[in-house]
Amino acid sequence: MAEEKKVAPIGVWNTVKPFVNGGTSGMLATCVIQPIDMIKVRIQLGQGSAASVTSTMLKNEGIGAFYKGLSAGLLRQATYTTARLGSFKMLTAKASEANDGKPLPLYQKALCGLTAGAIGACVGSPADLALIRMQADNTLPLAQRRNYTNAFHALYRISADEGVLALWKGCGPTVVRAMALNMGMLASYDQSAEYMRDNLGLGETSTVVGASAVSGFCAAACSLPFDFVKTQIQKMQPDAQGKYPYTGSLDCAMQTLKAGGPLKFYTGFPVYCVRIAPHVMMTWIFLNQITKFQKTIGM
């Protein structure tokens, strides 16, 4: 019985460890990336270039404006990244077992990434909605501002004013975006790391930085159109007659295509790419350091 009591906690920890480590690394990366993410949202809302948005925010709102919505961003990572990275580790482990322990082919990793992205997006969608609304609040006229004080206040207000199901408004495009992002990120990262390590002979640090940059670019290119639509859906407000500008994601995509053409979906791409690539890179670096630390203390 004594042996059973020792084994059980280890089994539980090994099960939850990928989720804990994934969420922690994502939250640490978000603390660094939050200002860039804030600028990206303002650009998508049509407030100008990266330079003009940064200058205007500093002049009118102060440096604290760059961290508005940080609580929602951290909550999003604690839900979304915890679920997606934990799920991905579990899915790849199961797939590897089915493959007799052999390395997984690229398409299987991509499928695991797609599935993990969908799971993470469903879990993290409420926090994502709160983050978008908090970041967009200062761009609205004073009469239309929601004035959320933090992420939990935003979630409470959305539930009370619009119903619990409103927390998953825009969940469809969020899930599709997450699937596209995770497929692009995971597939390109593995392939790039393999090439840089085996063909170019780069060291560990150079491989991680280089592969993360390629991974971030591919993730951004795959996911930005869905991110653009998702942002427009989540921030829309009804007019005086109570009518919303878009009836859904497809309607938003079609109206955007007619108004600005395909390139409209890539509004803010440089900033979005700069935001995604470092976040991917730092998430992997933090995850690696956390894992190393746990090994040194026998966890």
C-alpha atoms as a PDB file:
ATOM      1  CA  MET A   1       0.000   0.000   0.000  1.00  0.00           C
ATOM      2  CA  ALA A   2       2.867   2.310   0.786  1.00  0.00           C
ATOM      3  CA  GLU A   3       4.244   1.744  -2.719  1.00  0.00           C
ATOM      4  CA  GLU A   4       0.863   2.487  -4.277  1.00  0.00           C
ATOM      5  CA  LYS A   5       0.658   5.812  -2.453  1.00  0.00           C
ATOM      6  CA  LYS A   6       4.054   6.805  -3.841  1.00  0.00           C
ATOM      7  CA  VAL A   7       3.222   5.838  -7.412  1.00  0.00           C
ATOM      8  CA  ALA A   8      -0.167   7.579  -7.625  1.00  0.00           C
ATOM      9  CA  PRO A   9       1.024  11.167  -7.126  1.00  0.00           C
ATOM     10  CA  ILE A  10       3.827  10.684  -9.662  1.00  0.00           C
ATOM     11  CA  GLY A  11       1.298   9.427 -12.202  1.00  0.00           C
ATOM     12  CA  VAL A  12      -0.981  12.401 -11.572  1.00  0.00           C
ATOM     13  CA  TRP A  13       1.908  14.871 -11.876  1.00  0.00           C
ATOM     14  CA  ASN A  14       3.145  13.303 -15.116  1.00  0.00           C
ATOM     15  CA  THR A  15      -0.363  13.708 -16.507  1.00  0.00           C
ATOM     16  CA  VAL A  16      -0.842  17.352 -15.519  1.00  0.00           C
ATOM     17  CA  LYS A  17       2.780  18.473 -16.001  1.00  0.00           C
ATOM     18  CA  PRO A  18       2.473  19.201 -19.759  1.00  0.00           C
ATOM     19  CA  PHE A  19      -0.565  21.377 -19.038  1.00  0.00           C
ATOM     20  CA  VAL A  20       1.092  23.230 -16.129  1.00  0.00           C
ATOM     21  CA  ASN A  21       4.342  23.774 -18.017  1.00  0.00           C
ATOM     22  CA  GLY A  22       2.566  24.869 -21.192  1.00  0.00           C
ATOM     23  CA  GLY A  23       0.374  27.403 -19.407  1.00  0.00           C
ATOM     24  CA  THR A  24       3.257  28.802 -17.367  1.00  0.00           C
ATOM     25  CA  SER A  25       5.523  29.264 -20.389  1.00  0.00           C
ATOM     26  CA  GLY A  26       2.702  30.942 -22.329  1.00  0.00           C
ATOM     27  CA  MET A  27       1.945  33.348 -19.473  1.00  0.00           C
ATOM     28  CA  LEU A  28       5.614  34.332 -19.135  1.00  0.00           C
ATOM     29  CA  ALA A  29       5.843  34.968 -22.880  1.00  0.00           C
ATOM     30  CA  THR A  30       2.652  37.054 -22.795  1.00  0.00           C
ATOM     31  CA  CYS A  31       4.096  39.389 -20.158  1.00  0.00           C
ATOM     32  CA  VAL A  32       6.805  40.309 -22.671  1.00  0.00           C
ATOM     33  CA  ILE A  33       4.625  40.413 -25.796  1.00  0.00           C
ATOM     34  CA  GLN A  34       1.557  42.254 -24.419  1.00  0.00           C
ATOM     35  CA  PRO A  35       2.603  45.759 -25.658  1.00  0.00           C
ATOM     36  CA  ILE A  36       3.100  44.485 -29.228  1.00  0.00           C
ATOM     37  CA  ASP A  37      -0.239  42.684 -29.091  1.00  0.00           C
ATOM     38  CA  MET A  38      -1.930  45.890 -27.976  1.00  0.00           C
ATOM     39  CA  ILE A  39      -0.454  47.791 -30.941  1.00  0.00           C
ATOM     40  CA  LYS A  40      -1.582  45.011 -33.313  1.00  0.00           C
ATOM     41  CA  VAL A  41      -5.197  45.286 -32.133  1.00  0.00           C
ATOM     42  CA  ARG A  42      -5.181  49.088 -32.549  1.00  0.00           C
ATOM     43  CA  ILE A  43      -3.826  48.737 -36.107  1.00  0.00           C
ATOM     44  CA  GLN A  44      -6.554  46.229 -36.967  1.00  0.00           C
ATOM     45  CA  LEU A  45      -9.113  48.702 -35.624  1.00  0.00           C
ATOM     46  CA  GLY A  46      -7.857  51.231 -38.192  1.00  0.00           C
ATOM     47  CA  GLN A  47      -5.925  53.670 -35.995  1.00  0.00           C
ATOM     48  CA  GLY A  48      -2.885  53.912 -38.260  1.00  0.00           C
ATOM     49  CA  SER A  49       0.593  52.444 -38.608  1.00  0.00           C
ATOM     50  CA  ALA A  50       2.629  50.845 -35.829  1.00  0.00           C
ATOM     51  CA  ALA A  51       4.665  54.033 -35.327  1.00  0.00           C
ATOM     52  CA  SER A  52       1.661  56.369 -35.218  1.00  0.00           C
ATOM     53  CA  VAL A  53      -0.310  54.058 -32.907  1.00  0.00           C
ATOM     54  CA  THR A  54       2.641  53.779 -30.510  1.00  0.00           C
ATOM     55  CA  SER A  55       3.186  57.550 -30.500  1.00  0.00           C
ATOM     56  CA  THR A  56      -0.516  58.304 -29.965  1.00  0.00           C
ATOM     57  CA  MET A  57      -0.837  55.788 -27.131  1.00  0.00           C
ATOM     58  CA  LEU A  58       2.206  57.142 -25.310  1.00  0.00           C
ATOM     59  CA  LYS A  59       1.059  60.753 -25.730  1.00  0.00           C
ATOM     60  CA  ASN A  60      -2.626  60.328 -24.837  1.00  0.00           C
ATOM     61  CA  GLU A  61      -2.777  57.318 -22.529  1.00  0.00           C
ATOM     62  CA  GLY A  62       0.687  56.754 -21.091  1.00  0.00           C
ATOM     63  CA  ILE A  63       2.801  53.619 -20.923  1.00  0.00           C
ATOM     64  CA  GLY A  64       0.160  51.794 -18.880  1.00  0.00           C
ATOM     65  CA  ALA A  65      -2.044  51.630 -21.999  1.00  0.00           C
ATOM     66  CA  PHE A  66       0.306  49.045 -23.505  1.00  0.00           C
ATOM     67  CA  TYR A  67      -0.564  46.665 -20.675  1.00  0.00           C
ATOM     68  CA  LYS A  68      -4.309  47.239 -20.700  1.00  0.00           C
ATOM     69  CA  GLY A  69      -5.925  43.819 -20.825  1.00  0.00           C
ATOM     70  CA  LEU A  70      -2.871  42.034 -19.399  1.00  0.00           C
ATOM     71  CA  SER A  71      -5.042  40.196 -16.864  1.00  0.00           C
ATOM     72  CA  ALA A  72      -7.200  38.888 -19.729  1.00  0.00           C
ATOM     73  CA  GLY A  73      -4.082  37.971 -21.688  1.00  0.00           C
ATOM     74  CA  LEU A  74      -2.709  35.985 -18.774  1.00  0.00           C
ATOM     75  CA  LEU A  75      -6.084  34.330 -18.219  1.00  0.00           C
ATOM     76  CA  ARG A  76      -6.165  33.427 -21.898  1.00  0.00           C
ATOM     77  CA  GLN A  77      -2.745  31.781 -21.687  1.00  0.00           C
ATOM     78  CA  ALA A  78      -3.734  29.998 -18.477  1.00  0.00           C
ATOM     79  CA  THR A  79      -6.666  28.457 -20.369  1.00  0.00           C
ATOM     80  CA  TYR A  80      -5.796  28.386 -24.084  1.00  0.00           C
ATOM     81  CA  THR A  81      -2.073  27.571 -23.961  1.00  0.00           C
ATOM     82  CA  THR A  82      -2.475  25.222 -21.012  1.00  0.00           C
ATOM     83  CA  ALA A  83      -5.067  23.251 -22.977  1.00  0.00           C
ATOM     84  CA  ARG A  84      -3.373  23.314 -26.395  1.00  0.00           C
ATOM     85  CA  LEU A  85       0.188  22.464 -25.346  1.00  0.00           C
ATOM     86  CA  GLY A  86      -0.964  19.911 -22.799  1.00  0.00           C
ATOM     87  CA  SER A  87      -3.305  18.318 -25.328  1.00  0.00           C
ATOM     88  CA  PHE A  88      -0.601  18.324 -27.997  1.00  0.00           C
ATOM     89  CA  LYS A  89       1.851  16.510 -25.706  1.00  0.00           C
ATOM     90  CA  MET A  90      -0.774  13.924 -24.813  1.00  0.00           C
ATOM     91  CA  LEU A  91      -1.896  13.432 -28.417  1.00  0.00           C
ATOM     92  CA  THR A  92       1.650  13.059 -29.749  1.00  0.00           C
ATOM     93  CA  ALA A  93       2.484  10.640 -26.918  1.00  0.00           C
ATOM     94  CA  LYS A  94      -0.536   8.486 -27.786  1.00  0.00           C
ATOM     95  CA  ALA A  95       0.287   8.657 -31.500  1.00  0.00           C
ATOM     96  CA  SER A  96       3.894   7.712 -30.801  1.00  0.00           C
ATOM     97  CA  GLU A  97       2.723   4.677 -28.816  1.00  0.00           C
ATOM     98  CA  ALA A  98       0.542   3.617 -31.722  1.00  0.00           C
ATOM     99  CA  ASN A  99       3.556   4.102 -34.004  1.00  0.00           C
ATOM    100  CA  ASP A 100       5.682   1.710 -31.896  1.00  0.00           C
ATOM    101  CA  GLY A 101       7.702   4.580 -30.447  1.00  0.00           C
ATOM    102  CA  LYS A 102       9.000   5.724 -33.846  1.00  0.00           C
ATOM    103  CA  PRO A 103       9.214   9.460 -34.666  1.00  0.00           C
ATOM    104  CA  LEU A 104       5.918  10.802 -35.962  1.00  0.00           C
ATOM    105  CA  PRO A 105       5.670  11.815 -39.627  1.00  0.00           C
ATOM    106  CA  LEU A 106       4.942  15.464 -40.362  1.00  0.00           C
ATOM    107  CA  TYR A 107       1.281  14.967 -41.237  1.00  0.00           C
ATOM    108  CA  GLN A 108       0.562  13.244 -37.915  1.00  0.00           C
ATOM    109  CA  LYS A 109       2.170  16.105 -35.987  1.00  0.00           C
ATOM    110  CA  ALA A 110       0.101  18.555 -38.029  1.00  0.00           C
ATOM    111  CA  LEU A 111      -3.095  16.640 -37.228  1.00  0.00           C
ATOM    112  CA  CYS A 112      -2.193  16.640 -33.527  1.00  0.00           C
ATOM    113  CA  GLY A 113      -1.578  20.383 -33.763  1.00  0.00           C
ATOM    114  CA  LEU A 114      -4.939  20.972 -35.449  1.00  0.00           C
ATOM    115  CA  THR A 115      -6.763  19.005 -32.767  1.00  0.00           C
ATOM    116  CA  ALA A 116      -4.878  20.599 -29.875  1.00  0.00           C
ATOM    117  CA  GLY A 117      -5.529  24.059 -31.309  1.00  0.00           C
ATOM    118  CA  ALA A 118      -9.270  23.396 -31.497  1.00  0.00           C
ATOM    119  CA  ILE A 119      -9.364  22.116 -27.906  1.00  0.00           C
ATOM    120  CA  GLY A 120      -7.376  25.080 -26.606  1.00  0.00           C
ATOM    121  CA  ALA A 121      -9.500  27.609 -28.477  1.00  0.00           C
ATOM    122  CA  CYS A 122     -12.759  26.214 -27.096  1.00  0.00           C
ATOM    123  CA  VAL A 123     -11.394  26.410 -23.543  1.00  0.00           C
ATOM    124  CA  GLY A 124      -9.785  29.836 -23.972  1.00  0.00           C
ATOM    125  CA  SER A 125     -12.454  31.614 -26.042  1.00  0.00           C
ATOM    126  CA  PRO A 126     -14.090  33.508 -23.096  1.00  0.00           C
ATOM    127  CA  ALA A 127     -10.741  34.929 -21.978  1.00  0.00           C
ATOM    128  CA  ASP A 128      -9.902  35.811 -25.589  1.00  0.00           C
ATOM    129  CA  LEU A 129     -13.174  37.738 -25.931  1.00  0.00           C
ATOM    130  CA  ALA A 130     -12.459  39.620 -22.690  1.00  0.00           C
ATOM    131  CA  LEU A 131      -8.939  40.473 -23.931  1.00  0.00           C
ATOM    132  CA  ILE A 132     -10.158  41.851 -27.281  1.00  0.00           C
ATOM    133  CA  ARG A 133     -12.869  43.977 -25.656  1.00  0.00           C
ATOM    134  CA  MET A 134     -10.537  45.388 -23.008  1.00  0.00           C
ATOM    135  CA  GLN A 135      -7.929  46.285 -25.638  1.00  0.00           C
ATOM    136  CA  ALA A 136     -10.520  47.891 -27.931  1.00  0.00           C
ATOM    137  CA  ASP A 137     -12.391  49.790 -25.199  1.00  0.00           C
ATOM    138  CA  ASN A 138     -10.336  52.997 -25.369  1.00  0.00           C
ATOM    139  CA  THR A 139     -10.953  53.255 -29.117  1.00  0.00           C
ATOM    140  CA  LEU A 140     -14.726  53.585 -28.606  1.00  0.00           C
ATOM    141  CA  PRO A 141     -16.653  56.827 -27.965  1.00  0.00           C
ATOM    142  CA  LEU A 142     -17.035  57.561 -24.237  1.00  0.00           C
ATOM    143  CA  ALA A 143     -20.726  56.665 -24.277  1.00  0.00           C
ATOM    144  CA  GLN A 144     -20.014  53.226 -25.737  1.00  0.00           C
ATOM    145  CA  ARG A 145     -17.087  52.209 -23.517  1.00  0.00           C
ATOM    146  CA  ARG A 146     -17.649  49.230 -21.286  1.00  0.00           C
ATOM    147  CA  ASN A 147     -14.967  50.224 -18.731  1.00  0.00           C
ATOM    148  CA  TYR A 148     -14.038  46.728 -17.609  1.00  0.00           C
ATOM    149  CA  THR A 149     -11.680  46.855 -14.624  1.00  0.00           C
ATOM    150  CA  ASN A 150     -10.090  43.439 -15.169  1.00  0.00           C
ATOM    151  CA  ALA A 151     -10.608  40.130 -16.969  1.00  0.00           C
ATOM    152  CA  PHE A 152     -12.931  38.659 -14.355  1.00  0.00           C
ATOM    153  CA  HIS A 153     -15.048  41.824 -14.311  1.00  0.00           C
ATOM    154  CA  ALA A 154     -15.283  41.602 -18.113  1.00  0.00           C
ATOM    155  CA  LEU A 155     -16.381  37.960 -17.976  1.00  0.00           C
ATOM    156  CA  TYR A 156     -18.966  38.773 -15.295  1.00  0.00           C
ATOM    157  CA  ARG A 157     -20.365  41.763 -17.229  1.00  0.00           C
ATOM    158  CA  ILE A 158     -20.556  39.867 -20.514  1.00  0.00           C
ATOM    159  CA  SER A 159     -22.388  36.995 -18.804  1.00  0.00           C
ATOM    160  CA  ALA A 160     -24.776  39.332 -16.953  1.00  0.00           C
ATOM    161  CA  ASP A 161     -25.507  41.696 -19.863  1.00  0.00           C
ATOM    162  CA  GLU A 162     -25.463  39.341 -22.840  1.00  0.00           C
ATOM    163  CA  GLY A 163     -25.870  35.831 -21.411  1.00  0.00           C
ATOM    164  CA  VAL A 164     -23.363  33.095 -20.669  1.00  0.00           C
ATOM    165  CA  LEU A 165     -23.264  31.883 -24.279  1.00  0.00           C
ATOM    166  CA  ALA A 166     -22.023  35.336 -25.326  1.00  0.00           C
ATOM    167  CA  LEU A 167     -18.676  34.357 -23.790  1.00  0.00           C
ATOM    168  CA  TRP A 168     -18.221  32.148 -26.853  1.00  0.00           C
ATOM    169  CA  LYS A 169     -19.146  34.869 -29.362  1.00  0.00           C
ATOM    170  CA  GLY A 170     -16.750  34.488 -32.270  1.00  0.00           C
ATOM    171  CA  CYS A 171     -15.767  31.024 -31.059  1.00  0.00           C
ATOM    172  CA  GLY A 172     -16.050  29.618 -34.587  1.00  0.00           C
ATOM    173  CA  PRO A 173     -13.355  31.805 -36.157  1.00  0.00           C
ATOM    174  CA  THR A 174     -11.314  31.536 -32.948  1.00  0.00           C
ATOM    175  CA  VAL A 175     -11.223  27.750 -33.256  1.00  0.00           C
ATOM    176  CA  VAL A 176     -10.380  27.867 -36.973  1.00  0.00           C
ATOM    177  CA  ARG A 177      -7.641  30.446 -36.339  1.00  0.00           C
ATOM    178  CA  ALA A 178      -6.175  28.337 -33.544  1.00  0.00           C
ATOM    179  CA  MET A 179      -6.171  25.247 -35.748  1.00  0.00           C
ATOM    180  CA  ALA A 180      -4.427  27.122 -38.568  1.00  0.00           C
ATOM    181  CA  LEU A 181      -1.932  28.727 -36.197  1.00  0.00           C
ATOM    182  CA  ASN A 182      -0.998  25.504 -34.422  1.00  0.00           C
ATOM    183  CA  MET A 183      -0.668  23.548 -37.649  1.00  0.00           C
ATOM    184  CA  GLY A 184       1.606  26.210 -39.138  1.00  0.00           C
ATOM    185  CA  MET A 185       3.593  26.689 -35.946  1.00  0.00           C
ATOM    186  CA  LEU A 186       4.217  23.058 -35.031  1.00  0.00           C
ATOM    187  CA  ALA A 187       4.798  21.649 -38.512  1.00  0.00           C
ATOM    188  CA  SER A 188       7.176  24.391 -39.663  1.00  0.00           C
ATOM    189  CA  TYR A 189       9.043  24.445 -36.338  1.00  0.00           C
ATOM    190  CA  ASP A 190       9.879  20.742 -36.442  1.00  0.00           C
ATOM    191  CA  GLN A 191      10.913  20.832 -40.096  1.00  0.00           C
ATOM    192  CA  SER A 192      13.019  23.999 -39.671  1.00  0.00           C
ATOM    193  CA  ALA A 193      14.731  22.706 -36.538  1.00  0.00           C
ATOM    194  CA  GLU A 194      15.569  19.436 -38.304  1.00  0.00           C
ATOM    195  CA  TYR A 195      17.022  21.251 -41.324  1.00  0.00           C
ATOM    196  CA  MET A 196      19.017  23.789 -39.291  1.00  0.00           C
ATOM    197  CA  ARG A 197      20.422  21.161 -36.962  1.00  0.00           C
ATOM    198  CA  ASP A 198      21.156  18.394 -39.480  1.00  0.00           C
ATOM    199  CA  ASN A 199      21.904  20.306 -42.694  1.00  0.00           C
ATOM    200  CA  LEU A 200      23.285  23.619 -41.456  1.00  0.00           C
ATOM    201  CA  GLY A 201      24.947  22.247 -38.326  1.00  0.00           C
ATOM    202  CA  LEU A 202      23.651  25.018 -36.068  1.00  0.00           C
ATOM    203  CA  GLY A 203      23.880  24.767 -32.283  1.00  0.00           C
ATOM    204  CA  GLU A 204      20.931  24.450 -29.921  1.00  0.00           C
ATOM    205  CA  THR A 205      20.418  28.163 -29.307  1.00  0.00           C
ATOM    206  CA  SER A 206      20.716  29.134 -32.984  1.00  0.00           C
ATOM    207  CA  THR A 207      18.401  26.302 -33.983  1.00  0.00           C
ATOM    208  CA  VAL A 208      15.733  27.324 -31.465  1.00  0.00           C
ATOM    209  CA  VAL A 209      15.884  31.001 -32.482  1.00  0.00           C
ATOM    210  CA  GLY A 210      15.926  30.302 -36.226  1.00  0.00           C
ATOM    211  CA  ALA A 211      13.254  27.612 -36.198  1.00  0.00           C
ATOM    212  CA  SER A 212      11.047  29.734 -33.946  1.00  0.00           C
ATOM    213  CA  ALA A 213      11.296  32.670 -36.357  1.00  0.00           C
ATOM    214  CA  VAL A 214      10.284  30.480 -39.322  1.00  0.00           C
ATOM    215  CA  SER A 215       7.565  28.890 -37.207  1.00  0.00           C
ATOM    216  CA  GLY A 216       6.246  32.282 -36.138  1.00  0.00           C
ATOM    217  CA  PHE A 217       6.124  33.558 -39.723  1.00  0.00           C
ATOM    218  CA  CYS A 218       4.219  30.476 -40.939  1.00  0.00           C
ATOM    219  CA  ALA A 219       1.848  30.651 -37.973  1.00  0.00           C
ATOM    220  CA  ALA A 220       1.173  34.332 -38.665  1.00  0.00           C
ATOM    221  CA  ALA A 221       0.620  33.821 -42.396  1.00  0.00           C
ATOM    222  CA  CYS A 222      -1.812  30.960 -41.775  1.00  0.00           C
ATOM    223  CA  SER A 223      -3.764  32.562 -38.934  1.00  0.00           C
ATOM    224  CA  LEU A 224      -3.941  36.334 -39.523  1.00  0.00           C
ATOM    225  CA  PRO A 225      -6.979  36.276 -41.893  1.00  0.00           C
ATOM    226  CA  PHE A 226      -8.932  34.319 -39.277  1.00  0.00           C
ATOM    227  CA  ASP A 227      -7.609  36.574 -36.504  1.00  0.00           C
ATOM    228  CA  PHE A 228      -8.772  39.654 -38.422  1.00  0.00           C
ATOM    229  CA  VAL A 229     -12.315  38.292 -38.829  1.00  0.00           C
ATOM    230  CA  LYS A 230     -12.398  37.131 -35.206  1.00  0.00           C
ATOM    231  CA  THR A 231     -11.378  40.590 -33.968  1.00  0.00           C
ATOM    232  CA  GLN A 232     -14.051  42.315 -36.059  1.00  0.00           C
ATOM    233  CA  ILE A 233     -16.770  39.940 -34.795  1.00  0.00           C
ATOM    234  CA  GLN A 234     -15.757  40.217 -31.142  1.00  0.00           C
ATOM    235  CA  LYS A 235     -15.547  44.018 -31.064  1.00  0.00           C
ATOM    236  CA  MET A 236     -18.699  44.836 -33.084  1.00  0.00           C
ATOM    237  CA  GLN A 237     -21.458  46.873 -31.452  1.00  0.00           C
ATOM    238  CA  PRO A 238     -25.128  47.194 -32.468  1.00  0.00           C
ATOM    239  CA  ASP A 239     -26.316  50.427 -34.073  1.00  0.00           C
ATOM    240  CA  ALA A 240     -29.246  52.545 -32.851  1.00  0.00           C
ATOM    241  CA  GLN A 241     -31.715  49.989 -34.234  1.00  0.00           C
ATOM    242  CA  GLY A 242     -29.936  47.147 -32.453  1.00  0.00           C
ATOM    243  CA  LYS A 243     -28.522  45.712 -35.689  1.00  0.00           C
ATOM    244  CA  TYR A 244     -24.964  44.378 -35.777  1.00  0.00           C
ATOM    245  CA  PRO A 245     -22.716  45.235 -38.767  1.00  0.00           C
ATOM    246  CA  TYR A 246     -22.072  41.529 -39.477  1.00  0.00           C
ATOM    247  CA  THR A 247     -24.422  38.561 -39.250  1.00  0.00           C
ATOM    248  CA  GLY A 248     -21.524  36.156 -38.731  1.00  0.00           C
ATOM    249  CA  SER A 249     -17.950  35.266 -39.620  1.00  0.00           C
ATOM    250  CA  LEU A 250     -18.702  34.483 -43.275  1.00  0.00           C
ATOM    251  CA  ASP A 251     -20.598  37.750 -43.717  1.00  0.00           C
ATOM    252  CA  CYS A 252     -17.707  39.643 -42.127  1.00  0.00           C
ATOM    253  CA  ALA A 253     -15.216  37.910 -44.433  1.00  0.00           C
ATOM    254  CA  MET A 254     -17.297  38.673 -47.543  1.00  0.00           C
ATOM    255  CA  GLN A 255     -17.844  42.322 -46.630  1.00  0.00           C
ATOM    256  CA  THR A 256     -14.130  42.722 -45.888  1.00  0.00           C
ATOM    257  CA  LEU A 257     -13.212  41.082 -49.209  1.00  0.00           C
ATOM    258  CA  LYS A 258     -15.567  43.371 -51.150  1.00  0.00           C
ATOM    259  CA  ALA A 259     -14.428  46.514 -49.338  1.00  0.00           C
ATOM    260  CA  GLY A 260     -10.675  46.012 -49.285  1.00  0.00           C
ATOM    261  CA  GLY A 261      -9.757  42.918 -51.284  1.00  0.00           C
ATOM    262  CA  PRO A 262      -7.718  39.919 -50.052  1.00  0.00           C
ATOM    263  CA  LEU A 263      -4.883  42.038 -48.660  1.00  0.00           C
ATOM    264  CA  LYS A 264      -7.299  43.658 -46.204  1.00  0.00           C
ATOM    265  CA  PHE A 265      -7.152  40.417 -44.193  1.00  0.00           C
ATOM    266  CA  TYR A 266      -3.421  41.000 -43.741  1.00  0.00           C
ATOM    267  CA  THR A 267      -3.799  44.448 -42.193  1.00  0.00           C
ATOM    268  CA  GLY A 268      -1.093  44.778 -39.540  1.00  0.00           C
ATOM    269  CA  PHE A 269       0.797  41.693 -40.774  1.00  0.00           C
ATOM    270  CA  PRO A 270       4.317  43.004 -39.966  1.00  0.00           C
ATOM    271  CA  VAL A 271       3.359  43.778 -36.364  1.00  0.00           C
ATOM    272  CA  TYR A 272       1.332  40.566 -36.082  1.00  0.00           C
ATOM    273  CA  CYS A 273       4.294  38.549 -37.361  1.00  0.00           C
ATOM    274  CA  VAL A 274       6.693  40.362 -35.032  1.00  0.00           C
ATOM    275  CA  ARG A 275       4.331  39.581 -32.159  1.00  0.00           C
ATOM    276  CA  ILE A 276       3.756  35.910 -33.050  1.00  0.00           C
ATOM    277  CA  ALA A 277       7.385  34.971 -33.748  1.00  0.00           C
ATOM    278  CA  PRO A 278       8.842  36.190 -30.424  1.00  0.00           C
ATOM    279  CA  HIS A 279       5.905  34.699 -28.512  1.00  0.00           C
ATOM    280  CA  VAL A 280       6.489  31.312 -30.127  1.00  0.00           C
ATOM    281  CA  MET A 281      10.216  31.592 -29.510  1.00  0.00           C
ATOM    282  CA  MET A 282       9.900  32.638 -25.884  1.00  0.00           C
ATOM    283  CA  THR A 283       7.203  30.062 -25.170  1.00  0.00           C
ATOM    284  CA  TRP A 284       9.553  27.293 -26.331  1.00  0.00           C
ATOM    285  CA  ILE A 285      12.521  28.794 -24.462  1.00  0.00           C
ATOM    286  CA  PHE A 286      10.548  29.207 -21.232  1.00  0.00           C
ATOM    287  CA  LEU A 287       9.133  25.703 -21.621  1.00  0.00           C
ATOM    288  CA  ASN A 288      12.635  24.315 -22.122  1.00  0.00           C
ATOM    289  CA  GLN A 289      13.975  26.150 -19.066  1.00  0.00           C
ATOM    290  CA  ILE A 290      11.039  25.065 -16.902  1.00  0.00           C
ATOM    291  CA  THR A 291      11.570  21.442 -17.950  1.00  0.00           C
ATOM    292  CA  LYS A 292      15.302  21.649 -17.204  1.00  0.00           C
ATOM    293  CA  PHE A 293      14.622  23.161 -13.779  1.00  0.00           C
ATOM    294  CA  GLN A 294      12.116  20.440 -12.936  1.00  0.00           C
ATOM    295  CA  LYS A 295      14.666  17.791 -13.843  1.00  0.00           C
ATOM    296  CA  THR A 296      17.277  19.344 -11.571  1.00  0.00           C
ATOM    297  CA  ILE A 297      14.899  19.143  -8.592  1.00  0.00           C
ATOM    298  CA  GLY A 298      13.632  15.685  -9.533  1.00  0.00           C
ATOM    299  CA  MET A 299      10.118  16.597 -10.636  1.00  0.00           C
END
